[in-house]
Amino acid sequence: MSKLLSLKLQDRVYEEAEEILRKSRKARNAYFNEAINLYNKLWKRKLLKRALAEESALVAADSMELLETFERLEDELGE
């Protein structure tokens, strides 16, 4: 299913797109669908990176505490 969309492009963006379309001989609709799809993927990666950083920060103290516990245990077993 497709949705009809009306949008305004800056002149420079429009002209660049038209030049690429002429050279690639790709349909305008296909070009913009591909461009938006790539941009969506980029943003999904950015949002995932942000979420992972936040979650990592939440467990950082616990991870360090656990590491110290394992190091003490390793020292005790090594004696």
PDB file of N, CA and C in Angstrom:
ATOM      1  N   MET A   1       0.843  -1.176   0.000  1.00  0.00           N
ATOM      2  CA  MET A   1       0.000   0.000   0.000  1.00  0.00           C
ATOM      3  C   MET A   1       0.889   1.240   0.000  1.00  0.00           C
ATOM      4  N   SER A   2       0.481   2.250  -0.688  1.00  0.00           N
ATOM      5  CA  SER A   2       1.236   3.497  -0.780  1.00  0.00           C
ATOM      6  C   SER A   2       0.397   4.647  -0.254  1.00  0.00           C
ATOM      7  N   LYS A   3       1.082   5.648   0.220  1.00  0.00           N
ATOM      8  CA  LYS A   3       0.419   6.858   0.704  1.00  0.00           C
ATOM      9  C   LYS A   3       0.833   8.023  -0.189  1.00  0.00           C
ATOM     10  N   LEU A   4      -0.112   8.895  -0.455  1.00  0.00           N
ATOM     11  CA  LEU A   4       0.157  10.089  -1.241  1.00  0.00           C
ATOM     12  C   LEU A   4       0.707  11.144  -0.305  1.00  0.00           C
ATOM     13  N   LEU A   5       1.784  11.792  -0.719  1.00  0.00           N
ATOM     14  CA  LEU A   5       2.461  12.762   0.130  1.00  0.00           C
ATOM     15  C   LEU A   5       2.782  14.005  -0.680  1.00  0.00           C
ATOM     16  N   SER A   6       2.535  15.139  -0.089  1.00  0.00           N
ATOM     17  CA  SER A   6       2.909  16.406  -0.709  1.00  0.00           C
ATOM     18  C   SER A   6       3.962  17.036   0.190  1.00  0.00           C
ATOM     19  N   LEU A   7       5.080  17.495  -0.408  1.00  0.00           N
ATOM     20  CA  LEU A   7       6.109  18.107   0.401  1.00  0.00           C
ATOM     21  C   LEU A   7       6.773  19.246  -0.341  1.00  0.00           C
ATOM     22  N   LYS A   8       7.383  20.121   0.435  1.00  0.00           N
ATOM     23  CA  LYS A   8       8.128  21.233  -0.142  1.00  0.00           C
ATOM     24  C   LYS A   8       9.602  20.951   0.066  1.00  0.00           C
ATOM     25  N   LEU A   9      10.365  21.073  -1.006  1.00  0.00           N
ATOM     26  CA  LEU A   9      11.810  20.892  -0.934  1.00  0.00           C
ATOM     27  C   LEU A   9      12.490  22.232  -1.133  1.00  0.00           C
ATOM     28  N   GLN A  10      13.611  22.415  -0.479  1.00  0.00           N
ATOM     29  CA  GLN A  10      14.420  23.604  -0.729  1.00  0.00           C
ATOM     30  C   GLN A  10      14.883  23.520  -2.179  1.00  0.00           C
ATOM     31  N   ASP A  11      15.046  24.672  -2.793  1.00  0.00           N
ATOM     32  CA  ASP A  11      15.440  24.709  -4.203  1.00  0.00           C
ATOM     33  C   ASP A  11      16.704  23.892  -4.460  1.00  0.00           C
ATOM     34  N   ARG A  12      17.709  24.064  -3.617  1.00  0.00           N
ATOM     35  CA  ARG A  12      18.977  23.364  -3.803  1.00  0.00           C
ATOM     36  C   ARG A  12      18.785  21.852  -3.730  1.00  0.00           C
ATOM     37  N   VAL A  13      17.998  21.397  -2.766  1.00  0.00           N
ATOM     38  CA  VAL A  13      17.750  19.959  -2.609  1.00  0.00           C
ATOM     39  C   VAL A  13      17.010  19.418  -3.836  1.00  0.00           C
ATOM     40  N   TYR A  14      16.018  20.154  -4.291  1.00  0.00           N
ATOM     41  CA  TYR A  14      15.252  19.741  -5.465  1.00  0.00           C
ATOM     42  C   TYR A  14      16.141  19.653  -6.705  1.00  0.00           C
ATOM     43  N   GLU A  15      16.959  20.683  -6.909  1.00  0.00           N
ATOM     44  CA  GLU A  15      17.824  20.708  -8.092  1.00  0.00           C
ATOM     45  C   GLU A  15      18.839  19.571  -8.075  1.00  0.00           C
ATOM     46  N   GLU A  16      19.410  19.294  -6.897  1.00  0.00           N
ATOM     47  CA  GLU A  16      20.353  18.174  -6.786  1.00  0.00           C
ATOM     48  C   GLU A  16      19.656  16.852  -7.091  1.00  0.00           C
ATOM     49  N   ALA A  17      18.465  16.692  -6.551  1.00  0.00           N
ATOM     50  CA  ALA A  17      17.713  15.456  -6.793  1.00  0.00           C
ATOM     51  C   ALA A  17      17.390  15.301  -8.275  1.00  0.00           C
ATOM     52  N   GLU A  18      16.965  16.386  -8.898  1.00  0.00           N
ATOM     53  CA  GLU A  18      16.628  16.321 -10.320  1.00  0.00           C
ATOM     54  C   GLU A  18      17.854  15.980 -11.165  1.00  0.00           C
ATOM     55  N   GLU A  19      19.011  16.530 -10.813  1.00  0.00           N
ATOM     56  CA  GLU A  19      20.232  16.220 -11.556  1.00  0.00           C
ATOM     57  C   GLU A  19      20.582  14.735 -11.417  1.00  0.00           C
ATOM     58  N   ILE A  20      20.478  14.234 -10.222  1.00  0.00           N
ATOM     59  CA  ILE A  20      20.764  12.810  -9.992  1.00  0.00           C
ATOM     60  C   ILE A  20      19.759  11.945 -10.741  1.00  0.00           C
ATOM     61  N   LEU A  21      18.503  12.348 -10.725  1.00  0.00           N
ATOM     62  CA  LEU A  21      17.467  11.579 -11.426  1.00  0.00           C
ATOM     63  C   LEU A  21      17.725  11.539 -12.932  1.00  0.00           C
ATOM     64  N   ARG A  22      18.152  12.656 -13.480  1.00  0.00           N
ATOM     65  CA  ARG A  22      18.459  12.673 -14.923  1.00  0.00           C
ATOM     66  C   ARG A  22      19.600  11.718 -15.248  1.00  0.00           C
ATOM     67  N   LYS A  23      20.633  11.737 -14.410  1.00  0.00           N
ATOM     68  CA  LYS A  23      21.801  10.893 -14.668  1.00  0.00           C
ATOM     69  C   LYS A  23      21.530   9.423 -14.392  1.00  0.00           C
ATOM     70  N   SER A  24      20.717   9.137 -13.397  1.00  0.00           N
ATOM     71  CA  SER A  24      20.469   7.738 -13.023  1.00  0.00           C
ATOM     72  C   SER A  24      19.300   7.123 -13.785  1.00  0.00           C
ATOM     73  N   ARG A  25      18.476   7.997 -14.375  1.00  0.00           N
ATOM     74  CA  ARG A  25      17.276   7.535 -15.090  1.00  0.00           C
ATOM     75  C   ARG A  25      16.357   6.727 -14.186  1.00  0.00           C
ATOM     76  N   LYS A  26      16.352   7.083 -12.922  1.00  0.00           N
ATOM     77  CA  LYS A  26      15.487   6.418 -11.942  1.00  0.00           C
ATOM     78  C   LYS A  26      14.206   7.240 -11.808  1.00  0.00           C
ATOM     79  N   ALA A  27      13.111   6.564 -11.527  1.00  0.00           N
ATOM     80  CA  ALA A  27      11.843   7.264 -11.331  1.00  0.00           C
ATOM     81  C   ALA A  27      11.919   8.110 -10.061  1.00  0.00           C
ATOM     82  N   ARG A  28      11.344   9.296 -10.115  1.00  0.00           N
ATOM     83  CA  ARG A  28      11.381  10.210  -8.969  1.00  0.00           C
ATOM     84  C   ARG A  28      10.791   9.543  -7.727  1.00  0.00           C
ATOM     85  N   ASN A  29       9.687   8.869  -7.863  1.00  0.00           N
ATOM     86  CA  ASN A  29       9.038   8.208  -6.733  1.00  0.00           C
ATOM     87  C   ASN A  29       9.960   7.159  -6.112  1.00  0.00           C
ATOM     88  N   ALA A  30      10.582   6.358  -6.958  1.00  0.00           N
ATOM     89  CA  ALA A  30      11.491   5.321  -6.457  1.00  0.00           C
ATOM     90  C   ALA A  30      12.693   5.948  -5.762  1.00  0.00           C
ATOM     91  N   TYR A  31      13.213   7.034  -6.322  1.00  0.00           N
ATOM     92  CA  TYR A  31      14.366   7.730  -5.745  1.00  0.00           C
ATOM     93  C   TYR A  31      14.048   8.236  -4.339  1.00  0.00           C
ATOM     94  N   PHE A  32      12.920   8.919  -4.186  1.00  0.00           N
ATOM     95  CA  PHE A  32      12.572   9.464  -2.877  1.00  0.00           C
ATOM     96  C   PHE A  32      12.211   8.364  -1.878  1.00  0.00           C
ATOM     97  N   ASN A  33      11.578   7.298  -2.337  1.00  0.00           N
ATOM     98  CA  ASN A  33      11.313   6.173  -1.439  1.00  0.00           C
ATOM     99  C   ASN A  33      12.619   5.579  -0.912  1.00  0.00           C
ATOM    100  N   GLU A  34      13.583   5.415  -1.803  1.00  0.00           N
ATOM    101  CA  GLU A  34      14.882   4.857  -1.403  1.00  0.00           C
ATOM    102  C   GLU A  34      15.602   5.802  -0.440  1.00  0.00           C
ATOM    103  N   ALA A  35      15.556   7.089  -0.737  1.00  0.00           N
ATOM    104  CA  ALA A  35      16.227   8.074   0.111  1.00  0.00           C
ATOM    105  C   ALA A  35      15.620   8.097   1.514  1.00  0.00           C
ATOM    106  N   ILE A  36      14.312   8.097   1.594  1.00  0.00           N
ATOM    107  CA  ILE A  36      13.652   8.123   2.905  1.00  0.00           C
ATOM    108  C   ILE A  36      13.900   6.819   3.643  1.00  0.00           C
ATOM    109  N   ASN A  37      13.908   5.707   2.935  1.00  0.00           N
ATOM    110  CA  ASN A  37      14.201   4.424   3.572  1.00  0.00           C
ATOM    111  C   ASN A  37      15.604   4.423   4.180  1.00  0.00           C
ATOM    112  N   LEU A  38      16.590   4.917   3.444  1.00  0.00           N
ATOM    113  CA  LEU A  38      17.957   4.995   3.968  1.00  0.00           C
ATOM    114  C   LEU A  38      18.035   5.918   5.172  1.00  0.00           C
ATOM    115  N   TYR A  39      17.344   7.046   5.121  1.00  0.00           N
ATOM    116  CA  TYR A  39      17.354   7.990   6.234  1.00  0.00           C
ATOM    117  C   TYR A  39      16.682   7.380   7.463  1.00  0.00           C
ATOM    118  N   ASN A  40      15.607   6.634   7.267  1.00  0.00           N
ATOM    119  CA  ASN A  40      14.948   5.943   8.381  1.00  0.00           C
ATOM    120  C   ASN A  40      15.901   4.946   9.041  1.00  0.00           C
ATOM    121  N   LYS A  41      16.647   4.205   8.234  1.00  0.00           N
ATOM    122  CA  LYS A  41      17.613   3.247   8.782  1.00  0.00           C
ATOM    123  C   LYS A  41      18.691   3.954   9.591  1.00  0.00           C
ATOM    124  N   LEU A  42      19.160   5.095   9.084  1.00  0.00           N
ATOM    125  CA  LEU A  42      20.162   5.878   9.798  1.00  0.00           C
ATOM    126  C   LEU A  42      19.631   6.300  11.162  1.00  0.00           C
ATOM    127  N   TRP A  43      18.407   6.793  11.217  1.00  0.00           N
ATOM    128  CA  TRP A  43      17.834   7.240  12.479  1.00  0.00           C
ATOM    129  C   TRP A  43      17.569   6.083  13.429  1.00  0.00           C
ATOM    130  N   LYS A  44      17.164   4.938  12.905  1.00  0.00           N
ATOM    131  CA  LYS A  44      16.975   3.777  13.774  1.00  0.00           C
ATOM    132  C   LYS A  44      18.286   3.398  14.445  1.00  0.00           C
ATOM    133  N   ARG A  45      19.393   3.455  13.695  1.00  0.00           N
ATOM    134  CA  ARG A  45      20.723   3.159  14.259  1.00  0.00           C
ATOM    135  C   ARG A  45      21.108   4.175  15.319  1.00  0.00           C
ATOM    136  N   LYS A  46      20.851   5.458  15.049  1.00  0.00           N
ATOM    137  CA  LYS A  46      21.155   6.508  16.023  1.00  0.00           C
ATOM    138  C   LYS A  46      20.355   6.309  17.311  1.00  0.00           C
ATOM    139  N   LEU A  47      19.081   5.995  17.163  1.00  0.00           N
ATOM    140  CA  LEU A  47      18.237   5.791  18.341  1.00  0.00           C
ATOM    141  C   LEU A  47      18.661   4.553  19.122  1.00  0.00           C
ATOM    142  N   LEU A  48      19.046   3.492  18.424  1.00  0.00           N
ATOM    143  CA  LEU A  48      19.528   2.291  19.089  1.00  0.00           C
ATOM    144  C   LEU A  48      20.822   2.579  19.837  1.00  0.00           C
ATOM    145  N   LYS A  49      21.729   3.313  19.213  1.00  0.00           N
ATOM    146  CA  LYS A  49      22.996   3.676  19.853  1.00  0.00           C
ATOM    147  C   LYS A  49      22.728   4.460  21.136  1.00  0.00           C
ATOM    148  N   ARG A  50      21.803   5.397  21.068  1.00  0.00           N
ATOM    149  CA  ARG A  50      21.451   6.206  22.233  1.00  0.00           C
ATOM    150  C   ARG A  50      20.869   5.323  23.342  1.00  0.00           C
ATOM    151  N   ALA A  51      19.970   4.429  22.982  1.00  0.00           N
ATOM    152  CA  ALA A  51      19.354   3.548  23.980  1.00  0.00           C
ATOM    153  C   ALA A  51      20.388   2.628  24.622  1.00  0.00           C
ATOM    154  N   LEU A  52      21.291   2.085  23.813  1.00  0.00           N
ATOM    155  CA  LEU A  52      22.322   1.202  24.360  1.00  0.00           C
ATOM    156  C   LEU A  52      23.256   1.956  25.297  1.00  0.00           C
ATOM    157  N   ALA A  53      23.593   3.189  24.960  1.00  0.00           N
ATOM    158  CA  ALA A  53      24.453   3.997  25.829  1.00  0.00           C
ATOM    159  C   ALA A  53      23.764   4.285  27.153  1.00  0.00           C
ATOM    160  N   GLU A  54      22.477   4.600  27.098  1.00  0.00           N
ATOM    161  CA  GLU A  54      21.727   4.858  28.331  1.00  0.00           C
ATOM    162  C   GLU A  54      21.641   3.610  29.203  1.00  0.00           C
ATOM    163  N   GLU A  55      21.361   2.470  28.595  1.00  0.00           N
ATOM    164  CA  GLU A  55      21.258   1.225  29.358  1.00  0.00           C
ATOM    165  C   GLU A  55      22.610   0.818  29.921  1.00  0.00           C
ATOM    166  N   SER A  56      23.663   1.039  29.153  1.00  0.00           N
ATOM    167  CA  SER A  56      25.004   0.715  29.624  1.00  0.00           C
ATOM    168  C   SER A  56      25.365   1.563  30.838  1.00  0.00           C
ATOM    169  N   ALA A  57      25.005   2.838  30.806  1.00  0.00           N
ATOM    170  CA  ALA A  57      25.278   3.728  31.936  1.00  0.00           C
ATOM    171  C   ALA A  57      24.530   3.277  33.184  1.00  0.00           C
ATOM    172  N   LEU A  58      23.333   2.732  33.002  1.00  0.00           N
ATOM    173  CA  LEU A  58      22.541   2.284  34.145  1.00  0.00           C
ATOM    174  C   LEU A  58      23.187   1.111  34.876  1.00  0.00           C
ATOM    175  N   VAL A  59      23.889   0.250  34.172  1.00  0.00           N
ATOM    176  CA  VAL A  59      24.455  -0.951  34.796  1.00  0.00           C
ATOM    177  C   VAL A  59      25.967  -0.854  35.008  1.00  0.00           C
ATOM    178  N   ALA A  60      26.556   0.294  34.687  1.00  0.00           N
ATOM    179  CA  ALA A  60      28.014   0.437  34.776  1.00  0.00           C
ATOM    180  C   ALA A  60      28.528   0.181  36.183  1.00  0.00           C
ATOM    181  N   ALA A  61      27.894   0.765  37.195  1.00  0.00           N
ATOM    182  CA  ALA A  61      28.357   0.590  38.580  1.00  0.00           C
ATOM    183  C   ALA A  61      28.255  -0.870  39.003  1.00  0.00           C
ATOM    184  N   ASP A  62      27.163  -1.521  38.666  1.00  0.00           N
ATOM    185  CA  ASP A  62      26.999  -2.934  39.011  1.00  0.00           C
ATOM    186  C   ASP A  62      28.050  -3.798  38.317  1.00  0.00           C
ATOM    187  N   SER A  63      28.356  -3.463  37.070  1.00  0.00           N
ATOM    188  CA  SER A  63      29.347  -4.233  36.322  1.00  0.00           C
ATOM    189  C   SER A  63      30.729  -4.102  36.960  1.00  0.00           C
ATOM    190  N   MET A  64      31.085  -2.907  37.402  1.00  0.00           N
ATOM    191  CA  MET A  64      32.380  -2.705  38.053  1.00  0.00           C
ATOM    192  C   MET A  64      32.444  -3.442  39.380  1.00  0.00           C
ATOM    193  N   GLU A  65      31.365  -3.424  40.112  1.00  0.00           N
ATOM    194  CA  GLU A  65      31.312  -4.141  41.388  1.00  0.00           C
ATOM    195  C   GLU A  65      31.480  -5.641  41.173  1.00  0.00           C
ATOM    196  N   LEU A  66      30.817  -6.166  40.179  1.00  0.00           N
ATOM    197  CA  LEU A  66      30.923  -7.591  39.859  1.00  0.00           C
ATOM    198  C   LEU A  66      32.341  -7.940  39.418  1.00  0.00           C
ATOM    199  N   LEU A  67      32.955  -7.094  38.629  1.00  0.00           N
ATOM    200  CA  LEU A  67      34.325  -7.321  38.188  1.00  0.00           C
ATOM    201  C   LEU A  67      35.274  -7.360  39.382  1.00  0.00           C
ATOM    202  N   GLU A  68      35.107  -6.430  40.310  1.00  0.00           N
ATOM    203  CA  GLU A  68      35.953  -6.415  41.511  1.00  0.00           C
ATOM    204  C   GLU A  68      35.760  -7.686  42.336  1.00  0.00           C
ATOM    205  N   THR A  69      34.531  -8.160  42.423  1.00  0.00           N
ATOM    206  CA  THR A  69      34.250  -9.401  43.162  1.00  0.00           C
ATOM    207  C   THR A  69      34.965 -10.575  42.511  1.00  0.00           C
ATOM    208  N   PHE A  70      34.891 -10.662  41.188  1.00  0.00           N
ATOM    209  CA  PHE A  70      35.581 -11.751  40.483  1.00  0.00           C
ATOM    210  C   PHE A  70      37.096 -11.656  40.647  1.00  0.00           C
ATOM    211  N   GLU A  71      37.622 -10.441  40.630  1.00  0.00           N
ATOM    212  CA  GLU A  71      39.064 -10.285  40.806  1.00  0.00           C
ATOM    213  C   GLU A  71      39.497 -10.726  42.205  1.00  0.00           C
ATOM    214  N   ARG A  72      38.713 -10.379  43.232  1.00  0.00           N
ATOM    215  CA  ARG A  72      39.040 -10.828  44.600  1.00  0.00           C
ATOM    216  C   ARG A  72      38.983 -12.350  44.692  1.00  0.00           C
ATOM    217  N   LEU A  73      37.951 -12.938  44.078  1.00  0.00           N
ATOM    218  CA  LEU A  73      37.806 -14.395  44.104  1.00  0.00           C
ATOM    219  C   LEU A  73      38.982 -15.056  43.404  1.00  0.00           C
ATOM    220  N   GLU A  74      39.382 -14.494  42.265  1.00  0.00           N
ATOM    221  CA  GLU A  74      40.517 -15.038  41.527  1.00  0.00           C
ATOM    222  C   GLU A  74      41.798 -14.938  42.365  1.00  0.00           C
ATOM    223  N   ASP A  75      41.978 -13.821  43.058  1.00  0.00           N
ATOM    224  CA  ASP A  75      43.150 -13.663  43.927  1.00  0.00           C
ATOM    225  C   ASP A  75      43.134 -14.693  45.048  1.00  0.00           C
ATOM    226  N   GLU A  76      41.972 -14.944  45.636  1.00  0.00           N
ATOM    227  CA  GLU A  76      41.864 -15.916  46.743  1.00  0.00           C
ATOM    228  C   GLU A  76      42.142 -17.326  46.244  1.00  0.00           C
ATOM    229  N   LEU A  77      41.667 -17.663  45.071  1.00  0.00           N
ATOM    230  CA  LEU A  77      41.867 -19.007  44.531  1.00  0.00           C
ATOM    231  C   LEU A  77      43.320 -19.217  44.086  1.00  0.00           C
ATOM    232  N   GLY A  78      43.971 -18.139  43.730  1.00  0.00           N
ATOM    233  CA  GLY A  78      45.342 -18.242  43.266  1.00  0.00           C
ATOM    234  C   GLY A  78      46.330 -18.458  44.401  1.00  0.00           C
ATOM    235  N   GLU A  79      45.944 -18.194  45.623  1.00  0.00           N
ATOM    236  CA  GLU A  79      46.873 -18.331  46.760  1.00  0.00           C
ATOM    237  C   GLU A  79      47.034 -19.731  47.216  1.00  0.00           C
TER     238      GLU A  79
END
